[in-house]
Amino acid sequence: MKNTVKKYHIFNRIGRLFKLNYLKLLRSKGGAKKVALGFAIGFGLEMLVISTASLIYILFVPAVRVARGSLPASIIGNIIGKLTFLPVILLPFARKIGKMILPMKTSYGHHIPFSFQKLMHGDFLTLLSLLHGSLHVLIGMIVFGIILGIVSYYLVHHLYEREKERRLQRVKNGKIARGIPLRN
């Protein structure tokens, strides 16, 4: 008798991989609050990536650890934030919100192009050239990150609890035995 292993198409494998990681996320320790908090932190911090030139990733893992969120959930939230292109779409609106919150002019004299060599020689004024005009964007993206983080927390918490209830109902009805779906 020949053992045959069923080979799946690449799109089926990707779908199965997403489903597996989704189930791992739902079964992770800590419950809905930990998963939702991790997702919200990852999703909210993704809004700050463009405006901080990816320096926010230095604070990514410590922020999740301090808040006691789920690191895998925060990574998933960050990836979903990237895939939605929300940070790019919200940039013009973030600048307007930043100007409303901080109405001062942010140009510092003449615009000096950034030079890493000058920065290494101790000329920290070139560091201000990185912030030239983007301080408003940073403030606006912080506002968007906080708002979207709070919204995503409640959304993921609700989805987690709903899936948990559906799973308990299936176990109660006898459709799942020991975590393995029964075949008809």
N, C-alpha and C. Protein backbone atom coordinates (compact mmCIF):
# COMPACT_ATOMS: atom_id res chain seq x y z
N MET A 1 0.84 -1.17 0.00
CA MET A 1 0.00 0.00 0.00
C MET A 1 0.89 1.24 0.00
N LYS A 2 0.52 2.15 -0.80
CA LYS A 2 1.31 3.36 -0.99
C LYS A 2 0.79 4.48 -0.09
N ASN A 3 1.68 5.11 0.64
CA ASN A 3 1.31 6.26 1.47
C ASN A 3 1.35 7.51 0.61
N THR A 4 0.24 8.17 0.49
CA THR A 4 0.22 9.41 -0.27
C THR A 4 -0.09 10.56 0.66
N VAL A 5 0.67 11.59 0.51
CA VAL A 5 0.45 12.80 1.29
C VAL A 5 -0.26 13.79 0.39
N LYS A 6 -1.36 14.31 0.89
CA LYS A 6 -2.12 15.27 0.09
C LYS A 6 -1.35 16.58 0.01
N LYS A 7 -1.12 17.02 -1.21
CA LYS A 7 -0.42 18.29 -1.43
C LYS A 7 -1.46 19.36 -1.73
N TYR A 8 -1.31 20.47 -1.06
CA TYR A 8 -2.22 21.58 -1.23
C TYR A 8 -1.60 22.63 -2.14
N HIS A 9 -2.45 23.34 -2.84
CA HIS A 9 -2.03 24.45 -3.68
C HIS A 9 -1.49 25.55 -2.78
N ILE A 10 -0.66 26.42 -3.30
CA ILE A 10 -0.01 27.48 -2.51
C ILE A 10 -1.03 28.36 -1.79
N PHE A 11 -2.14 28.69 -2.46
CA PHE A 11 -3.15 29.53 -1.82
C PHE A 11 -3.86 28.78 -0.70
N ASN A 12 -4.06 27.48 -0.88
CA ASN A 12 -4.66 26.68 0.19
C ASN A 12 -3.72 26.60 1.38
N ARG A 13 -2.42 26.46 1.11
CA ARG A 13 -1.45 26.40 2.21
C ARG A 13 -1.41 27.71 2.98
N ILE A 14 -1.47 28.83 2.28
CA ILE A 14 -1.48 30.13 2.95
C ILE A 14 -2.74 30.27 3.80
N GLY A 15 -3.88 29.87 3.24
CA GLY A 15 -5.13 29.92 4.00
C GLY A 15 -5.10 29.03 5.22
N ARG A 16 -4.53 27.83 5.07
CA ARG A 16 -4.42 26.91 6.20
C ARG A 16 -3.47 27.47 7.26
N LEU A 17 -2.41 28.13 6.81
CA LEU A 17 -1.46 28.73 7.74
C LEU A 17 -2.12 29.85 8.55
N PHE A 18 -2.92 30.69 7.87
CA PHE A 18 -3.65 31.74 8.58
C PHE A 18 -4.63 31.14 9.59
N LYS A 19 -5.33 30.11 9.18
CA LYS A 19 -6.30 29.47 10.07
C LYS A 19 -5.61 28.86 11.28
N LEU A 20 -4.46 28.20 11.06
CA LEU A 20 -3.71 27.61 12.16
C LEU A 20 -3.26 28.68 13.15
N ASN A 21 -2.70 29.77 12.64
CA ASN A 21 -2.25 30.84 13.55
C ASN A 21 -3.41 31.53 14.24
N TYR A 22 -4.54 31.64 13.56
CA TYR A 22 -5.74 32.20 14.18
C TYR A 22 -6.20 31.31 15.33
N LEU A 23 -6.19 30.00 15.13
CA LEU A 23 -6.58 29.08 16.20
C LEU A 23 -5.58 29.12 17.35
N LYS A 24 -4.29 29.23 17.03
CA LYS A 24 -3.29 29.36 18.09
C LYS A 24 -3.52 30.62 18.90
N LEU A 25 -3.87 31.69 18.21
CA LEU A 25 -4.12 32.95 18.88
C LEU A 25 -5.34 32.84 19.80
N LEU A 26 -6.38 32.16 19.32
CA LEU A 26 -7.58 32.01 20.14
C LEU A 26 -7.35 31.11 21.34
N ARG A 27 -6.43 30.21 21.23
CA ARG A 27 -6.17 29.27 22.32
C ARG A 27 -5.00 29.71 23.20
N SER A 28 -4.49 30.89 22.98
CA SER A 28 -3.33 31.34 23.75
C SER A 28 -3.73 31.61 25.20
N LYS A 29 -2.72 31.52 26.05
CA LYS A 29 -2.95 31.75 27.48
C LYS A 29 -3.20 33.23 27.72
N GLY A 30 -3.99 33.52 28.72
CA GLY A 30 -4.24 34.90 29.08
C GLY A 30 -5.62 35.39 28.68
N GLY A 31 -6.23 34.74 27.73
CA GLY A 31 -7.60 35.06 27.38
C GLY A 31 -7.75 36.27 26.49
N ALA A 32 -8.98 36.74 26.44
CA ALA A 32 -9.38 37.79 25.50
C ALA A 32 -8.68 39.11 25.79
N LYS A 33 -8.53 39.47 27.04
CA LYS A 33 -7.95 40.77 27.37
C LYS A 33 -6.48 40.86 26.93
N LYS A 34 -5.74 39.78 27.16
CA LYS A 34 -4.32 39.79 26.80
C LYS A 34 -4.15 39.83 25.28
N VAL A 35 -4.93 39.04 24.58
CA VAL A 35 -4.84 39.01 23.12
C VAL A 35 -5.28 40.35 22.53
N ALA A 36 -6.39 40.88 23.01
CA ALA A 36 -6.90 42.15 22.49
C ALA A 36 -5.94 43.30 22.78
N LEU A 37 -5.34 43.28 23.97
CA LEU A 37 -4.38 44.34 24.31
C LEU A 37 -3.14 44.26 23.43
N GLY A 38 -2.63 43.06 23.21
CA GLY A 38 -1.47 42.91 22.33
C GLY A 38 -1.78 43.37 20.91
N PHE A 39 -2.94 42.97 20.38
CA PHE A 39 -3.33 43.37 19.04
C PHE A 39 -3.45 44.89 18.95
N ALA A 40 -4.09 45.50 19.94
CA ALA A 40 -4.29 46.95 19.93
C ALA A 40 -2.96 47.70 19.97
N ILE A 41 -2.02 47.22 20.76
CA ILE A 41 -0.71 47.88 20.83
C ILE A 41 0.01 47.76 19.50
N GLY A 42 0.00 46.58 18.91
CA GLY A 42 0.66 46.39 17.62
C GLY A 42 0.03 47.22 16.52
N PHE A 43 -1.30 47.27 16.50
CA PHE A 43 -2.01 48.02 15.48
C PHE A 43 -1.81 49.53 15.67
N GLY A 44 -1.87 49.98 16.92
CA GLY A 44 -1.69 51.41 17.21
C GLY A 44 -0.28 51.89 16.92
N LEU A 45 0.72 51.07 17.26
CA LEU A 45 2.10 51.47 17.01
C LEU A 45 2.44 51.47 15.53
N GLU A 46 1.70 50.69 14.74
CA GLU A 46 1.95 50.70 13.30
C GLU A 46 1.65 52.07 12.70
N MET A 47 0.74 52.82 13.30
CA MET A 47 0.41 54.14 12.78
C MET A 47 1.58 55.12 12.92
N LEU A 48 2.52 54.81 13.81
CA LEU A 48 3.64 55.71 14.07
C LEU A 48 4.90 55.35 13.29
N VAL A 49 4.87 54.26 12.52
CA VAL A 49 6.09 53.79 11.86
C VAL A 49 6.60 54.79 10.84
N ILE A 50 5.74 55.31 9.98
CA ILE A 50 6.20 56.23 8.93
C ILE A 50 6.67 57.55 9.52
N SER A 51 5.93 58.07 10.46
CA SER A 51 6.27 59.39 11.00
C SER A 51 7.48 59.36 11.92
N THR A 52 7.87 58.19 12.42
CA THR A 52 9.07 58.10 13.26
C THR A 52 10.23 57.45 12.53
N ALA A 53 10.11 57.25 11.23
CA ALA A 53 11.14 56.61 10.41
C ALA A 53 11.51 55.24 10.96
N SER A 54 10.53 54.47 11.35
CA SER A 54 10.64 53.10 11.87
C SER A 54 11.37 53.00 13.21
N LEU A 55 11.62 54.11 13.87
CA LEU A 55 12.27 54.07 15.19
C LEU A 55 11.33 53.58 16.28
N ILE A 56 10.04 53.53 16.00
CA ILE A 56 9.07 53.08 17.00
C ILE A 56 9.25 51.60 17.31
N TYR A 57 9.88 50.86 16.40
CA TYR A 57 10.09 49.43 16.64
C TYR A 57 11.03 49.17 17.80
N ILE A 58 11.80 50.17 18.20
CA ILE A 58 12.65 50.04 19.39
C ILE A 58 11.77 49.88 20.62
N LEU A 59 10.62 50.53 20.63
CA LEU A 59 9.71 50.47 21.77
C LEU A 59 8.65 49.38 21.65
N PHE A 60 8.63 48.65 20.55
CA PHE A 60 7.55 47.71 20.27
C PHE A 60 7.47 46.60 21.32
N VAL A 61 8.52 45.81 21.48
CA VAL A 61 8.50 44.69 22.42
C VAL A 61 8.42 45.17 23.86
N PRO A 62 9.18 46.21 24.27
CA PRO A 62 9.02 46.67 25.66
C PRO A 62 7.61 47.18 25.97
N ALA A 63 6.96 47.83 25.01
CA ALA A 63 5.60 48.32 25.25
C ALA A 63 4.62 47.16 25.46
N VAL A 64 4.79 46.11 24.69
CA VAL A 64 3.91 44.94 24.84
C VAL A 64 4.18 44.24 26.16
N ARG A 65 5.45 44.11 26.52
CA ARG A 65 5.80 43.44 27.78
C ARG A 65 5.31 44.23 29.00
N VAL A 66 5.49 45.55 28.97
CA VAL A 66 5.06 46.37 30.10
C VAL A 66 3.54 46.32 30.26
N ALA A 67 2.82 46.33 29.15
CA ALA A 67 1.36 46.30 29.21
C ALA A 67 0.83 44.89 29.45
N ARG A 68 1.71 43.90 29.43
CA ARG A 68 1.35 42.49 29.62
C ARG A 68 0.37 42.01 28.56
N GLY A 69 0.63 42.41 27.32
CA GLY A 69 -0.17 41.95 26.20
C GLY A 69 0.48 40.74 25.55
N SER A 70 -0.19 40.20 24.59
CA SER A 70 0.31 39.03 23.87
C SER A 70 1.21 39.50 22.73
N LEU A 71 2.47 39.04 22.73
CA LEU A 71 3.41 39.44 21.69
C LEU A 71 2.99 38.91 20.31
N PRO A 72 2.57 37.63 20.19
CA PRO A 72 2.11 37.19 18.87
C PRO A 72 0.91 38.00 18.36
N ALA A 73 0.01 38.36 19.24
CA ALA A 73 -1.14 39.17 18.83
C ALA A 73 -0.70 40.56 18.40
N SER A 74 0.31 41.12 19.06
CA SER A 74 0.78 42.45 18.67
C SER A 74 1.48 42.40 17.31
N ILE A 75 2.18 41.32 17.04
CA ILE A 75 2.82 41.18 15.73
C ILE A 75 1.76 41.06 14.64
N ILE A 76 0.71 40.28 14.93
CA ILE A 76 -0.39 40.14 13.97
C ILE A 76 -1.07 41.49 13.75
N GLY A 77 -1.31 42.23 14.82
CA GLY A 77 -1.91 43.56 14.69
C GLY A 77 -1.05 44.51 13.88
N ASN A 78 0.26 44.42 14.07
CA ASN A 78 1.18 45.26 13.32
C ASN A 78 1.16 44.91 11.84
N ILE A 79 1.12 43.63 11.53
CA ILE A 79 1.09 43.20 10.13
C ILE A 79 -0.23 43.60 9.47
N ILE A 80 -1.32 43.45 10.19
CA ILE A 80 -2.62 43.86 9.64
C ILE A 80 -2.62 45.37 9.40
N GLY A 81 -2.01 46.13 10.30
CA GLY A 81 -1.89 47.57 10.09
C GLY A 81 -1.10 47.91 8.83
N LYS A 82 -0.06 47.11 8.56
CA LYS A 82 0.73 47.32 7.34
C LYS A 82 -0.08 46.98 6.09
N LEU A 83 -0.80 45.87 6.15
CA LEU A 83 -1.54 45.40 4.98
C LEU A 83 -2.72 46.30 4.62
N THR A 84 -3.25 47.03 5.57
CA THR A 84 -4.38 47.91 5.28
C THR A 84 -3.95 49.25 4.68
N PHE A 85 -2.67 49.55 4.73
CA PHE A 85 -2.14 50.82 4.24
C PHE A 85 -2.75 52.03 4.95
N LEU A 86 -3.31 51.82 6.13
CA LEU A 86 -3.90 52.94 6.88
C LEU A 86 -2.89 54.04 7.22
N PRO A 87 -1.65 53.70 7.62
CA PRO A 87 -0.73 54.80 7.92
C PRO A 87 -0.48 55.72 6.73
N VAL A 88 -0.44 55.17 5.53
CA VAL A 88 -0.21 55.98 4.34
C VAL A 88 -1.44 56.80 4.01
N ILE A 89 -2.61 56.18 4.13
CA ILE A 89 -3.86 56.86 3.81
C ILE A 89 -4.13 58.00 4.79
N LEU A 90 -3.77 57.81 6.05
CA LEU A 90 -4.09 58.80 7.08
C LEU A 90 -3.07 59.94 7.21
N LEU A 91 -1.96 59.88 6.48
CA LEU A 91 -0.93 60.92 6.61
C LEU A 91 -1.44 62.34 6.38
N PRO A 92 -2.19 62.62 5.29
CA PRO A 92 -2.65 64.01 5.12
C PRO A 92 -3.60 64.46 6.22
N PHE A 93 -4.44 63.54 6.68
CA PHE A 93 -5.37 63.90 7.75
C PHE A 93 -4.63 64.10 9.07
N ALA A 94 -3.58 63.31 9.28
CA ALA A 94 -2.79 63.45 10.50
C ALA A 94 -2.10 64.80 10.55
N ARG A 95 -1.64 65.27 9.41
CA ARG A 95 -0.99 66.59 9.38
C ARG A 95 -1.97 67.69 9.75
N LYS A 96 -3.21 67.59 9.24
CA LYS A 96 -4.23 68.60 9.57
C LYS A 96 -4.58 68.55 11.06
N ILE A 97 -4.72 67.35 11.60
CA ILE A 97 -5.04 67.21 13.03
C ILE A 97 -3.88 67.73 13.87
N GLY A 98 -2.65 67.44 13.45
CA GLY A 98 -1.48 67.94 14.17
C GLY A 98 -1.40 69.45 14.17
N LYS A 99 -1.78 70.08 13.04
CA LYS A 99 -1.79 71.54 12.97
C LYS A 99 -2.87 72.14 13.85
N MET A 100 -4.01 71.40 13.99
CA MET A 100 -5.07 71.90 14.89
C MET A 100 -4.63 71.79 16.34
N ILE A 101 -3.93 70.74 16.70
CA ILE A 101 -3.49 70.54 18.09
C ILE A 101 -2.32 71.46 18.42
N LEU A 102 -1.35 71.57 17.51
CA LEU A 102 -0.17 72.40 17.72
C LEU A 102 -0.10 73.42 16.59
N PRO A 103 -0.72 74.59 16.76
CA PRO A 103 -0.83 75.54 15.64
C PRO A 103 0.44 76.34 15.35
N MET A 104 1.55 76.05 16.01
CA MET A 104 2.76 76.83 15.75
C MET A 104 3.45 76.39 14.47
N LYS A 105 4.26 77.27 13.91
CA LYS A 105 5.02 76.99 12.71
C LYS A 105 6.24 76.16 13.10
N THR A 106 6.50 75.10 12.35
CA THR A 106 7.57 74.19 12.76
C THR A 106 8.82 74.28 11.91
N SER A 107 8.96 75.32 11.10
CA SER A 107 10.20 75.40 10.33
C SER A 107 11.24 76.11 11.17
N TYR A 108 12.44 75.57 11.18
CA TYR A 108 13.53 76.11 11.97
C TYR A 108 14.55 76.74 11.03
N GLY A 109 14.36 78.00 10.72
CA GLY A 109 15.30 78.68 9.84
C GLY A 109 15.30 78.09 8.45
N HIS A 110 16.48 77.95 7.88
CA HIS A 110 16.60 77.35 6.55
C HIS A 110 16.55 75.84 6.69
N HIS A 111 15.99 75.21 5.70
CA HIS A 111 15.90 73.76 5.70
C HIS A 111 17.28 73.18 5.38
N ILE A 112 17.86 72.47 6.34
CA ILE A 112 19.18 71.86 6.17
C ILE A 112 18.96 70.40 5.82
N PRO A 113 19.54 69.92 4.73
CA PRO A 113 19.38 68.51 4.42
C PRO A 113 20.07 67.64 5.47
N PHE A 114 19.46 66.51 5.77
CA PHE A 114 20.00 65.62 6.79
C PHE A 114 21.28 64.97 6.30
N SER A 115 22.28 64.96 7.15
CA SER A 115 23.55 64.32 6.83
C SER A 115 23.95 63.46 8.02
N PHE A 116 24.05 62.17 7.79
CA PHE A 116 24.45 61.25 8.85
C PHE A 116 25.87 61.54 9.31
N GLN A 117 26.72 61.99 8.39
CA GLN A 117 28.10 62.30 8.73
C GLN A 117 28.17 63.48 9.70
N LYS A 118 27.37 64.52 9.44
CA LYS A 118 27.34 65.67 10.36
C LYS A 118 26.81 65.27 11.73
N LEU A 119 25.83 64.38 11.73
CA LEU A 119 25.27 63.92 13.00
C LEU A 119 26.33 63.16 13.81
N MET A 120 27.12 62.35 13.16
CA MET A 120 28.16 61.60 13.86
C MET A 120 29.27 62.51 14.37
N HIS A 121 29.43 63.70 13.78
CA HIS A 121 30.42 64.66 14.24
C HIS A 121 29.87 65.58 15.32
N GLY A 122 28.65 65.34 15.76
CA GLY A 122 28.09 66.10 16.87
C GLY A 122 27.21 67.25 16.49
N ASP A 123 26.88 67.42 15.22
CA ASP A 123 26.00 68.50 14.80
C ASP A 123 24.55 68.02 14.91
N PHE A 124 23.96 68.27 16.06
CA PHE A 124 22.61 67.77 16.32
C PHE A 124 21.52 68.64 15.69
N LEU A 125 21.91 69.78 15.12
CA LEU A 125 20.91 70.59 14.42
C LEU A 125 20.41 69.89 13.16
N THR A 126 21.23 69.00 12.59
CA THR A 126 20.75 68.26 11.42
C THR A 126 19.65 67.27 11.81
N LEU A 127 19.64 66.90 13.07
CA LEU A 127 18.57 66.02 13.55
C LEU A 127 17.23 66.73 13.50
N LEU A 128 17.25 68.05 13.71
CA LEU A 128 16.02 68.82 13.61
C LEU A 128 15.49 68.85 12.18
N SER A 129 16.38 68.66 11.22
CA SER A 129 15.91 68.66 9.83
C SER A 129 15.04 67.45 9.53
N LEU A 130 15.21 66.39 10.31
CA LEU A 130 14.32 65.23 10.15
C LEU A 130 12.89 65.59 10.58
N LEU A 131 12.78 66.45 11.58
CA LEU A 131 11.46 66.84 12.07
C LEU A 131 10.86 67.99 11.29
N HIS A 132 11.57 68.50 10.32
CA HIS A 132 11.12 69.66 9.55
C HIS A 132 9.74 69.39 8.93
N GLY A 133 8.73 69.96 9.50
CA GLY A 133 7.38 69.83 8.96
C GLY A 133 6.68 68.54 9.35
N SER A 134 7.38 67.60 9.96
CA SER A 134 6.73 66.33 10.26
C SER A 134 6.29 66.23 11.72
N LEU A 135 6.50 67.27 12.49
CA LEU A 135 6.05 67.25 13.87
C LEU A 135 4.52 67.20 13.93
N HIS A 136 3.88 67.92 13.02
CA HIS A 136 2.42 67.88 12.95
C HIS A 136 1.93 66.49 12.57
N VAL A 137 2.63 65.86 11.64
CA VAL A 137 2.26 64.51 11.22
C VAL A 137 2.41 63.54 12.38
N LEU A 138 3.49 63.67 13.13
CA LEU A 138 3.72 62.79 14.27
C LEU A 138 2.61 62.94 15.31
N ILE A 139 2.24 64.16 15.61
CA ILE A 139 1.17 64.39 16.58
C ILE A 139 -0.15 63.81 16.08
N GLY A 140 -0.46 64.04 14.81
CA GLY A 140 -1.70 63.49 14.25
C GLY A 140 -1.71 61.98 14.21
N MET A 141 -0.57 61.37 13.89
CA MET A 141 -0.52 59.91 13.86
C MET A 141 -0.58 59.31 15.26
N ILE A 142 -0.09 60.02 16.27
CA ILE A 142 -0.25 59.56 17.65
C ILE A 142 -1.74 59.54 18.00
N VAL A 143 -2.46 60.58 17.61
CA VAL A 143 -3.90 60.62 17.87
C VAL A 143 -4.60 59.46 17.15
N PHE A 144 -4.27 59.26 15.87
CA PHE A 144 -4.87 58.14 15.13
C PHE A 144 -4.50 56.80 15.73
N GLY A 145 -3.25 56.65 16.17
CA GLY A 145 -2.81 55.39 16.77
C GLY A 145 -3.57 55.08 18.05
N ILE A 146 -3.80 56.10 18.87
CA ILE A 146 -4.56 55.89 20.10
C ILE A 146 -6.00 55.52 19.80
N ILE A 147 -6.63 56.25 18.89
CA ILE A 147 -8.03 55.99 18.55
C ILE A 147 -8.19 54.59 17.93
N LEU A 148 -7.35 54.28 16.94
CA LEU A 148 -7.47 52.98 16.29
C LEU A 148 -7.07 51.83 17.22
N GLY A 149 -6.15 52.08 18.13
CA GLY A 149 -5.79 51.06 19.12
C GLY A 149 -6.95 50.74 20.04
N ILE A 150 -7.66 51.77 20.49
CA ILE A 150 -8.81 51.55 21.37
C ILE A 150 -9.93 50.83 20.63
N VAL A 151 -10.20 51.25 19.40
CA VAL A 151 -11.25 50.60 18.61
C VAL A 151 -10.89 49.14 18.34
N SER A 152 -9.63 48.88 17.97
CA SER A 152 -9.23 47.50 17.67
C SER A 152 -9.24 46.64 18.93
N TYR A 153 -8.97 47.22 20.10
CA TYR A 153 -9.03 46.45 21.35
C TYR A 153 -10.43 45.88 21.54
N TYR A 154 -11.43 46.74 21.45
CA TYR A 154 -12.80 46.27 21.68
C TYR A 154 -13.27 45.33 20.57
N LEU A 155 -12.84 45.57 19.34
CA LEU A 155 -13.23 44.71 18.23
C LEU A 155 -12.63 43.30 18.40
N VAL A 156 -11.35 43.22 18.69
CA VAL A 156 -10.70 41.91 18.86
C VAL A 156 -11.24 41.21 20.11
N HIS A 157 -11.49 41.96 21.17
CA HIS A 157 -12.05 41.36 22.38
C HIS A 157 -13.42 40.73 22.07
N HIS A 158 -14.23 41.44 21.33
CA HIS A 158 -15.56 40.93 20.96
C HIS A 158 -15.44 39.68 20.08
N LEU A 159 -14.57 39.73 19.07
CA LEU A 159 -14.39 38.58 18.18
C LEU A 159 -13.84 37.36 18.93
N TYR A 160 -12.93 37.60 19.86
CA TYR A 160 -12.37 36.52 20.66
C TYR A 160 -13.45 35.85 21.51
N GLU A 161 -14.24 36.66 22.19
CA GLU A 161 -15.30 36.12 23.04
C GLU A 161 -16.36 35.39 22.22
N ARG A 162 -16.70 35.93 21.06
CA ARG A 162 -17.70 35.29 20.20
C ARG A 162 -17.20 33.93 19.70
N GLU A 163 -15.96 33.85 19.30
CA GLU A 163 -15.39 32.58 18.85
C GLU A 163 -15.30 31.58 19.98
N LYS A 164 -15.00 32.06 21.17
CA LYS A 164 -14.95 31.18 22.34
C LYS A 164 -16.33 30.60 22.65
N GLU A 165 -17.36 31.43 22.56
CA GLU A 165 -18.73 30.96 22.78
C GLU A 165 -19.14 29.96 21.71
N ARG A 166 -18.81 30.24 20.45
CA ARG A 166 -19.13 29.31 19.37
C ARG A 166 -18.45 27.97 19.57
N ARG A 167 -17.20 27.99 20.00
CA ARG A 167 -16.47 26.76 20.23
C ARG A 167 -17.09 25.97 21.38
N LEU A 168 -17.44 26.65 22.47
CA LEU A 168 -18.08 25.97 23.60
C LEU A 168 -19.42 25.36 23.19
N GLN A 169 -20.15 26.06 22.35
CA GLN A 169 -21.44 25.55 21.88
C GLN A 169 -21.25 24.30 21.03
N ARG A 170 -20.24 24.30 20.19
CA ARG A 170 -19.97 23.11 19.36
C ARG A 170 -19.55 21.93 20.22
N VAL A 171 -18.75 22.19 21.27
CA VAL A 171 -18.35 21.12 22.18
C VAL A 171 -19.58 20.59 22.91
N LYS A 172 -20.45 21.49 23.32
CA LYS A 172 -21.66 21.10 24.04
C LYS A 172 -22.58 20.27 23.16
N ASN A 173 -22.65 20.59 21.89
CA ASN A 173 -23.50 19.85 20.96
C ASN A 173 -22.84 18.56 20.48
N GLY A 174 -21.58 18.32 20.85
CA GLY A 174 -20.91 17.08 20.49
C GLY A 174 -20.27 17.10 19.12
N LYS A 175 -20.10 18.24 18.52
CA LYS A 175 -19.50 18.30 17.19
C LYS A 175 -17.99 18.31 17.26
N ILE A 176 -17.42 18.56 18.42
CA ILE A 176 -15.97 18.54 18.57
C ILE A 176 -15.65 17.67 19.77
N ALA A 177 -14.77 16.72 19.57
CA ALA A 177 -14.33 15.86 20.67
C ALA A 177 -12.83 16.04 20.85
N ARG A 178 -12.41 16.47 22.02
CA ARG A 178 -11.00 16.66 22.36
C ARG A 178 -10.28 17.61 21.40
N GLY A 179 -10.96 18.62 20.93
CA GLY A 179 -10.33 19.61 20.07
C GLY A 179 -10.19 19.20 18.63
N ILE A 180 -10.64 18.00 18.27
CA ILE A 180 -10.53 17.51 16.90
C ILE A 180 -11.94 17.50 16.29
N PRO A 181 -12.16 18.18 15.18
CA PRO A 181 -13.49 18.16 14.58
C PRO A 181 -13.85 16.76 14.10
N LEU A 182 -15.07 16.34 14.36
CA LEU A 182 -15.53 15.03 13.92
C LEU A 182 -15.96 15.11 12.46
N ARG A 183 -15.64 14.08 11.71
CA ARG A 183 -16.01 14.01 10.30
C ARG A 183 -17.39 13.38 10.17
N ASN A 184 -18.17 13.86 9.21
CA ASN A 184 -19.50 13.27 8.97
C ASN A 184 -19.42 12.14 7.99
